[in-house]
Amino acid sequence: MESYVPTASPLAAEELTAYIGPRAERYRPRFERFTRTGTTRFGFSWNNPAAFAGMWWYLYRKMYAWALADFALSVLLGWTLFVPLLWGVARAVTGDYLYFRQADRKIREARPISSAGGAPAADAAYLARLAAEGGVNAWVPWVAIGATLLVLALTALFFGMAWNAIPPLRELWPDPPGRWT
């Protein structure tokens, strides 16, 4: 497997905490495991939000290209039972590494020129810029909930219309006997 050798000093804990934002204490140990040998190497990890939320997790963590790729592949591969399970496992295993690669690239791009070769400057303006560049999109959970409710409502509307429009469906499942009929 090909390894990636960083061109500058390793990422500082303050930089990672500023870039990651919420749940930095969860991601930092995983990110350190990817660079344990001095080079960046893929390591297996499991990320539940990436597995179950998919595109929404990528959007939440500002990984827009991966969100688009996830959406496109989900549409192209279809929605059978097997494909989403397999795709969810692939997202769960690679999610932390993909997020680390993005954080590493963005932090190195944001470093001041004076600290590019040595230790990064830990000034407040630099850390604030990292926090603005990274962090999370707080609107994503609300949009995800709204989109899920909209899909459920449209599904219920579709099946309700199909139930009333196709008489044989009503004959297959007649109303149960009871005092409410």
Protein backbone atom coordinates (compact mmCIF):
# COMPACT_ATOMS: atom_id res chain seq x y z
CA MET A 1 0.00 0.00 0.00
CA GLU A 2 1.31 3.40 -0.91
CA SER A 3 2.12 5.71 1.98
CA TYR A 4 2.06 9.46 2.13
CA VAL A 5 4.94 11.33 3.75
CA PRO A 6 3.92 14.74 5.12
CA THR A 7 6.06 17.62 3.87
CA ALA A 8 5.98 19.60 7.12
CA SER A 9 5.89 18.99 10.84
CA PRO A 10 3.14 16.76 12.25
CA LEU A 11 -0.21 18.25 13.09
CA ALA A 12 -0.42 19.71 16.57
CA ALA A 13 -3.23 18.76 18.94
CA GLU A 14 -4.40 22.38 19.06
CA GLU A 15 -4.66 22.47 15.26
CA LEU A 16 -6.67 19.26 15.13
CA THR A 17 -8.98 20.35 17.94
CA ALA A 18 -9.61 23.68 16.23
CA TYR A 19 -10.22 22.10 12.84
CA ILE A 20 -12.37 19.16 13.96
CA GLY A 21 -14.61 21.09 16.32
CA PRO A 22 -17.18 18.93 18.11
CA ARG A 23 -16.02 15.44 19.05
CA ALA A 24 -12.32 16.27 18.58
CA GLU A 25 -11.47 13.96 21.49
CA ARG A 26 -12.92 11.07 19.46
CA TYR A 27 -11.04 11.80 16.24
CA ARG A 28 -7.60 12.82 17.55
CA PRO A 29 -6.55 9.32 18.76
CA ARG A 30 -7.70 7.81 15.48
CA PHE A 31 -5.79 10.41 13.49
CA GLU A 32 -2.65 9.71 15.53
CA ARG A 33 -2.97 6.02 14.70
CA PHE A 34 -2.84 6.87 10.96
CA THR A 35 0.52 8.63 11.42
CA ARG A 36 2.06 6.37 14.07
CA THR A 37 4.99 5.25 11.90
CA GLY A 38 5.94 8.74 10.73
CA THR A 39 4.17 8.29 7.42
CA THR A 40 0.48 8.45 6.78
CA ARG A 41 -1.01 4.98 6.27
CA PHE A 42 -4.54 3.72 6.09
CA GLY A 43 -5.67 1.88 9.20
CA PHE A 44 -8.96 0.15 9.80
CA SER A 45 -11.38 2.00 12.03
CA TRP A 46 -15.14 2.07 12.41
CA ASN A 47 -17.25 5.21 12.22
CA ASN A 48 -20.94 4.65 13.06
CA PRO A 49 -22.15 8.06 11.85
CA ALA A 50 -20.44 7.52 8.48
CA ALA A 51 -21.96 4.05 8.20
CA PHE A 52 -25.54 4.99 8.99
CA ALA A 53 -25.82 8.64 7.94
CA GLY A 54 -23.74 8.37 4.76
CA MET A 55 -24.02 11.47 2.63
CA TRP A 56 -25.33 13.45 5.58
CA TRP A 57 -22.18 12.68 7.63
CA TYR A 58 -19.98 13.85 4.78
CA LEU A 59 -21.96 17.10 4.55
CA TYR A 60 -21.86 17.53 8.34
CA ARG A 61 -18.06 17.26 8.31
CA LYS A 62 -17.75 19.58 5.25
CA MET A 63 -16.54 16.83 2.92
CA TYR A 64 -18.57 18.03 -0.04
CA ALA A 65 -16.85 16.04 -2.80
CA TRP A 66 -17.31 12.80 -0.85
CA ALA A 67 -20.96 13.66 -0.18
CA LEU A 68 -21.54 14.12 -3.90
CA ALA A 69 -19.70 10.87 -4.71
CA ASP A 70 -21.71 9.02 -2.04
CA PHE A 71 -24.99 10.35 -3.41
CA ALA A 72 -24.05 9.56 -7.02
CA LEU A 73 -22.91 6.03 -6.21
CA SER A 74 -26.00 5.39 -4.09
CA VAL A 75 -28.24 6.43 -6.97
CA LEU A 76 -26.23 4.51 -9.58
CA LEU A 77 -25.92 1.32 -7.55
CA GLY A 78 -29.57 1.26 -6.62
CA TRP A 79 -31.33 0.60 -3.36
CA THR A 80 -31.44 -3.14 -2.97
CA LEU A 81 -30.79 -4.61 0.46
CA PHE A 82 -27.23 -5.79 -0.22
CA VAL A 83 -25.74 -2.68 -1.83
CA PRO A 84 -26.58 -0.18 0.97
CA LEU A 85 -25.24 -2.58 3.61
CA LEU A 86 -22.00 -3.08 1.72
CA TRP A 87 -21.71 0.64 0.96
CA GLY A 88 -22.37 1.48 4.64
CA VAL A 89 -19.55 -0.84 5.73
CA ALA A 90 -17.21 0.76 3.19
CA ARG A 91 -18.09 4.24 4.50
CA ALA A 92 -17.64 3.14 8.11
CA VAL A 93 -14.21 1.65 7.51
CA THR A 94 -12.82 4.51 5.41
CA GLY A 95 -14.64 7.51 6.92
CA ASP A 96 -12.08 8.38 9.58
CA TYR A 97 -9.18 8.08 7.15
CA LEU A 98 -10.85 10.24 4.52
CA TYR A 99 -11.63 12.84 7.17
CA PHE A 100 -8.03 12.72 8.40
CA ARG A 101 -6.69 13.27 4.88
CA GLN A 102 -8.96 16.29 4.45
CA ALA A 103 -8.01 17.72 7.85
CA ASP A 104 -4.31 17.18 7.16
CA ARG A 105 -4.51 18.92 3.79
CA LYS A 106 -6.63 21.84 5.01
CA ILE A 107 -4.50 22.45 8.11
CA ARG A 108 -1.27 22.41 6.09
CA GLU A 109 -2.78 24.83 3.55
CA ALA A 110 -3.91 27.17 6.32
CA ARG A 111 -0.58 27.25 8.16
CA PRO A 112 1.18 30.59 8.09
CA ILE A 113 4.12 30.74 5.70
CA SER A 114 6.49 31.49 8.58
CA SER A 115 5.65 28.15 10.21
CA ALA A 116 5.49 25.97 7.07
CA GLY A 117 8.85 24.33 7.73
CA GLY A 118 8.74 24.12 11.52
CA ALA A 119 6.26 24.05 14.33
CA PRO A 120 2.94 25.74 13.58
CA ALA A 121 2.07 29.05 15.12
CA ALA A 122 -0.53 28.57 17.85
CA ASP A 123 -1.94 32.07 17.68
CA ALA A 124 -5.63 32.75 18.16
CA ALA A 125 -6.22 34.11 14.63
CA TYR A 126 -4.76 30.98 13.03
CA LEU A 127 -6.80 28.65 15.26
CA ALA A 128 -9.95 30.69 14.58
CA ARG A 129 -9.31 30.38 10.84
CA LEU A 130 -8.94 26.60 11.24
CA ALA A 131 -12.18 26.45 13.22
CA ALA A 132 -13.98 28.37 10.46
CA GLU A 133 -12.44 26.23 7.71
CA GLY A 134 -13.21 22.97 9.50
CA GLY A 135 -15.77 22.24 12.15
CA VAL A 136 -19.23 21.08 11.21
CA ASN A 137 -22.26 22.32 9.34
CA ALA A 138 -24.87 22.72 12.08
CA TRP A 139 -27.69 22.88 9.53
CA VAL A 140 -27.12 19.35 8.21
CA PRO A 141 -28.97 17.41 10.96
CA TRP A 142 -32.03 19.62 10.55
CA VAL A 143 -32.05 19.27 6.77
CA ALA A 144 -31.55 15.50 7.10
CA ILE A 145 -34.51 15.23 9.49
CA GLY A 146 -36.65 17.40 7.21
CA ALA A 147 -35.69 15.40 4.12
CA THR A 148 -36.43 12.11 5.89
CA LEU A 149 -39.85 13.35 7.03
CA LEU A 150 -40.58 14.62 3.52
CA VAL A 151 -39.66 11.26 1.97
CA LEU A 152 -41.83 9.43 4.51
CA ALA A 153 -44.77 11.76 3.85
CA LEU A 154 -44.43 11.39 0.07
CA THR A 155 -44.18 7.62 0.43
CA ALA A 156 -47.32 7.51 2.56
CA LEU A 157 -49.12 9.77 0.07
CA PHE A 158 -48.03 7.61 -2.87
CA PHE A 159 -49.14 4.37 -1.26
CA GLY A 160 -52.40 5.94 -0.10
CA MET A 161 -53.15 7.10 -3.62
CA ALA A 162 -52.18 3.71 -5.06
CA TRP A 163 -54.39 1.94 -2.49
CA ASN A 164 -57.40 4.00 -3.52
CA ALA A 165 -56.64 3.96 -7.25
CA ILE A 166 -56.15 0.23 -7.70
CA PRO A 167 -59.26 -1.72 -6.60
CA PRO A 168 -57.61 -5.17 -6.49
CA LEU A 169 -55.30 -3.95 -3.71
CA ARG A 170 -58.31 -3.24 -1.48
CA GLU A 171 -59.73 -6.66 -2.23
CA LEU A 172 -56.49 -8.38 -1.20
CA TRP A 173 -56.63 -6.90 2.29
CA PRO A 174 -60.23 -6.27 3.27
CA ASP A 175 -60.98 -4.30 6.39
CA PRO A 176 -60.79 -6.52 9.47
CA PRO A 177 -63.99 -7.25 11.29
CA GLY A 178 -64.48 -5.43 14.52
CA ARG A 179 -66.57 -2.96 16.32
CA TRP A 180 -64.91 0.03 14.62
CA THR A 181 -66.21 -0.85 11.14
